[in-house]
Amino acid sequence: MNETDRTQMLDVATLAPVGYAGRPDAVRERLEGRTLIVSDPSDICWLTGFGGSLGWVVLTPERLALVTDGRYGERAAADVAAGGIDGDVVVGTTRQQVRDRLVAAARA
């Protein structure tokens, strides 16, 4: 790497935070008391900061739950915490458990 490349490198520590923490409340305001289930990975990432390929977000007037399978449990918890999101990470180890937990989160 030459000197020009070094001076043009981006110092990520100086970047402003992304601002995930305020996004769930902004979406809630528009939902007017309704529940939203988000399944698209790019929308989940926008809303929570979670970058995994499998998950659902259940956003109710009182709660945000990120439901995923066992492969992503730790990553989901870390991504949500890093984003400053006030929400629960719910992990299922089988398809049926993931489905059941998704339904339960939507009904809560």
C-alpha atoms as a PDB file:
ATOM      1  CA  MET A   1       0.000   0.000   0.000  1.00  0.00           C
ATOM      2  CA  ASN A   2       1.439   3.367  -0.948  1.00  0.00           C
ATOM      3  CA  GLU A   3       1.202   6.621   1.032  1.00  0.00           C
ATOM      4  CA  THR A   4      -1.725   7.937  -1.042  1.00  0.00           C
ATOM      5  CA  ASP A   5      -3.750   4.803  -0.316  1.00  0.00           C
ATOM      6  CA  ARG A   6      -3.076   5.161   3.407  1.00  0.00           C
ATOM      7  CA  THR A   7      -4.227   8.774   3.542  1.00  0.00           C
ATOM      8  CA  GLN A   8      -7.426   7.930   1.657  1.00  0.00           C
ATOM      9  CA  MET A   9      -8.434   5.055   3.934  1.00  0.00           C
ATOM     10  CA  LEU A  10     -11.640   5.560   5.832  1.00  0.00           C
ATOM     11  CA  ASP A  11     -11.398   5.595   9.610  1.00  0.00           C
ATOM     12  CA  VAL A  12     -14.694   3.905  10.528  1.00  0.00           C
ATOM     13  CA  ALA A  13     -14.324   5.030  14.136  1.00  0.00           C
ATOM     14  CA  THR A  14     -15.046   8.576  12.982  1.00  0.00           C
ATOM     15  CA  LEU A  15     -18.320   7.719  11.239  1.00  0.00           C
ATOM     16  CA  ALA A  16     -21.600   8.782  12.793  1.00  0.00           C
ATOM     17  CA  PRO A  17     -23.760   5.961  14.181  1.00  0.00           C
ATOM     18  CA  VAL A  18     -26.338   4.559  11.772  1.00  0.00           C
ATOM     19  CA  GLY A  19     -29.276   5.412  14.025  1.00  0.00           C
ATOM     20  CA  TYR A  20     -31.148   2.118  14.213  1.00  0.00           C
ATOM     21  CA  ALA A  21     -32.466   2.873  17.697  1.00  0.00           C
ATOM     22  CA  GLY A  22     -35.111   5.350  16.548  1.00  0.00           C
ATOM     23  CA  ARG A  23     -36.379   3.368  13.584  1.00  0.00           C
ATOM     24  CA  PRO A  24     -38.800   0.996  15.348  1.00  0.00           C
ATOM     25  CA  ASP A  25     -40.595   3.900  17.048  1.00  0.00           C
ATOM     26  CA  ALA A  26     -40.780   5.831  13.772  1.00  0.00           C
ATOM     27  CA  VAL A  27     -42.420   2.841  12.088  1.00  0.00           C
ATOM     28  CA  ARG A  28     -44.755   2.310  15.062  1.00  0.00           C
ATOM     29  CA  GLU A  29     -46.071   5.854  14.699  1.00  0.00           C
ATOM     30  CA  ARG A  30     -47.202   5.081  11.174  1.00  0.00           C
ATOM     31  CA  LEU A  31     -48.749   1.740  12.131  1.00  0.00           C
ATOM     32  CA  GLU A  32     -51.337   3.432  14.360  1.00  0.00           C
ATOM     33  CA  GLY A  33     -51.587   0.510  16.788  1.00  0.00           C
ATOM     34  CA  ARG A  34     -51.302  -2.291  14.238  1.00  0.00           C
ATOM     35  CA  THR A  35     -48.741  -5.114  14.235  1.00  0.00           C
ATOM     36  CA  LEU A  36     -46.185  -5.463  11.459  1.00  0.00           C
ATOM     37  CA  ILE A  37     -44.270  -8.602  10.498  1.00  0.00           C
ATOM     38  CA  VAL A  38     -41.138  -7.956   8.447  1.00  0.00           C
ATOM     39  CA  SER A  39     -39.612 -10.845   6.497  1.00  0.00           C
ATOM     40  CA  ASP A  40     -37.321  -9.300   3.880  1.00  0.00           C
ATOM     41  CA  PRO A  41     -33.673  -9.459   5.058  1.00  0.00           C
ATOM     42  CA  SER A  42     -32.846  -5.967   3.774  1.00  0.00           C
ATOM     43  CA  ASP A  43     -35.851  -4.489   5.596  1.00  0.00           C
ATOM     44  CA  ILE A  44     -34.927  -6.376   8.760  1.00  0.00           C
ATOM     45  CA  CYS A  45     -31.400  -5.002   8.512  1.00  0.00           C
ATOM     46  CA  TRP A  46     -32.713  -1.463   8.004  1.00  0.00           C
ATOM     47  CA  LEU A  47     -35.013  -1.752  11.005  1.00  0.00           C
ATOM     48  CA  THR A  48     -32.732  -3.556  13.466  1.00  0.00           C
ATOM     49  CA  GLY A  49     -29.177  -3.812  12.144  1.00  0.00           C
ATOM     50  CA  PHE A  50     -29.417  -7.620  11.986  1.00  0.00           C
ATOM     51  CA  GLY A  51     -27.514  -8.826   8.949  1.00  0.00           C
ATOM     52  CA  GLY A  52     -28.422 -12.511   8.899  1.00  0.00           C
ATOM     53  CA  SER A  53     -30.262 -14.157   6.028  1.00  0.00           C
ATOM     54  CA  LEU A  54     -33.101 -15.744   8.030  1.00  0.00           C
ATOM     55  CA  GLY A  55     -35.370 -13.936  10.402  1.00  0.00           C
ATOM     56  CA  TRP A  56     -38.597 -12.097  10.966  1.00  0.00           C
ATOM     57  CA  VAL A  57     -39.269  -8.969  12.947  1.00  0.00           C
ATOM     58  CA  VAL A  58     -42.555  -8.625  14.758  1.00  0.00           C
ATOM     59  CA  LEU A  59     -43.239  -5.012  15.613  1.00  0.00           C
ATOM     60  CA  THR A  60     -46.220  -4.424  17.876  1.00  0.00           C
ATOM     61  CA  PRO A  61     -47.245  -1.210  19.604  1.00  0.00           C
ATOM     62  CA  GLU A  62     -45.376  -2.392  22.720  1.00  0.00           C
ATOM     63  CA  ARG A  63     -42.669  -4.770  21.532  1.00  0.00           C
ATOM     64  CA  LEU A  64     -40.093  -5.597  18.899  1.00  0.00           C
ATOM     65  CA  ALA A  65     -39.146  -9.259  18.560  1.00  0.00           C
ATOM     66  CA  LEU A  66     -36.555 -10.583  16.146  1.00  0.00           C
ATOM     67  CA  VAL A  67     -37.321 -14.246  15.537  1.00  0.00           C
ATOM     68  CA  THR A  68     -34.610 -16.410  13.993  1.00  0.00           C
ATOM     69  CA  ASP A  69     -33.211 -19.906  14.100  1.00  0.00           C
ATOM     70  CA  GLY A  70     -30.370 -21.258  16.202  1.00  0.00           C
ATOM     71  CA  ARG A  71     -27.675 -20.449  13.639  1.00  0.00           C
ATOM     72  CA  TYR A  72     -28.193 -16.736  14.177  1.00  0.00           C
ATOM     73  CA  GLY A  73     -29.097 -16.449  17.850  1.00  0.00           C
ATOM     74  CA  GLU A  74     -25.831 -14.960  19.059  1.00  0.00           C
ATOM     75  CA  ARG A  75     -25.324 -12.802  15.986  1.00  0.00           C
ATOM     76  CA  ALA A  76     -28.879 -11.467  16.184  1.00  0.00           C
ATOM     77  CA  ALA A  77     -28.435 -10.535  19.835  1.00  0.00           C
ATOM     78  CA  ALA A  78     -25.130  -8.808  19.085  1.00  0.00           C
ATOM     79  CA  ASP A  79     -26.467  -6.918  16.055  1.00  0.00           C
ATOM     80  CA  VAL A  80     -29.580  -5.743  17.885  1.00  0.00           C
ATOM     81  CA  ALA A  81     -27.552  -4.649  20.915  1.00  0.00           C
ATOM     82  CA  ALA A  82     -25.003  -2.847  18.731  1.00  0.00           C
ATOM     83  CA  GLY A  83     -27.842  -0.982  17.050  1.00  0.00           C
ATOM     84  CA  GLY A  84     -29.253   0.158  20.378  1.00  0.00           C
ATOM     85  CA  ILE A  85     -32.561  -1.555  19.652  1.00  0.00           C
ATOM     86  CA  ASP A  86     -34.913  -2.163  22.558  1.00  0.00           C
ATOM     87  CA  GLY A  87     -36.212  -5.568  21.568  1.00  0.00           C
ATOM     88  CA  ASP A  88     -36.155  -9.273  22.172  1.00  0.00           C
ATOM     89  CA  VAL A  89     -34.282 -11.888  20.169  1.00  0.00           C
ATOM     90  CA  VAL A  90     -36.332 -15.076  20.015  1.00  0.00           C
ATOM     91  CA  VAL A  91     -34.599 -18.228  18.792  1.00  0.00           C
ATOM     92  CA  GLY A  92     -36.097 -21.504  17.662  1.00  0.00           C
ATOM     93  CA  THR A  93     -34.076 -24.627  16.959  1.00  0.00           C
ATOM     94  CA  THR A  94     -36.545 -26.313  14.586  1.00  0.00           C
ATOM     95  CA  ARG A  95     -38.834 -24.960  11.874  1.00  0.00           C
ATOM     96  CA  GLN A  96     -41.833 -25.648  14.059  1.00  0.00           C
ATOM     97  CA  GLN A  97     -40.299 -23.798  17.013  1.00  0.00           C
ATOM     98  CA  VAL A  98     -39.452 -20.804  14.832  1.00  0.00           C
ATOM     99  CA  ARG A  99     -43.011 -20.778  13.479  1.00  0.00           C
ATOM    100  CA  ASP A 100     -44.536 -21.127  16.943  1.00  0.00           C
ATOM    101  CA  ARG A 101     -42.369 -18.351  18.342  1.00  0.00           C
ATOM    102  CA  LEU A 102     -43.195 -16.076  15.437  1.00  0.00           C
ATOM    103  CA  VAL A 103     -46.924 -16.607  15.983  1.00  0.00           C
ATOM    104  CA  ALA A 104     -46.561 -16.098  19.732  1.00  0.00           C
ATOM    105  CA  ALA A 105     -44.621 -12.847  19.228  1.00  0.00           C
ATOM    106  CA  ALA A 106     -47.317 -11.559  16.870  1.00  0.00           C
ATOM    107  CA  ARG A 107     -50.045 -12.344  19.398  1.00  0.00           C
ATOM    108  CA  ALA A 108     -48.234 -10.868  22.400  1.00  0.00           C
END
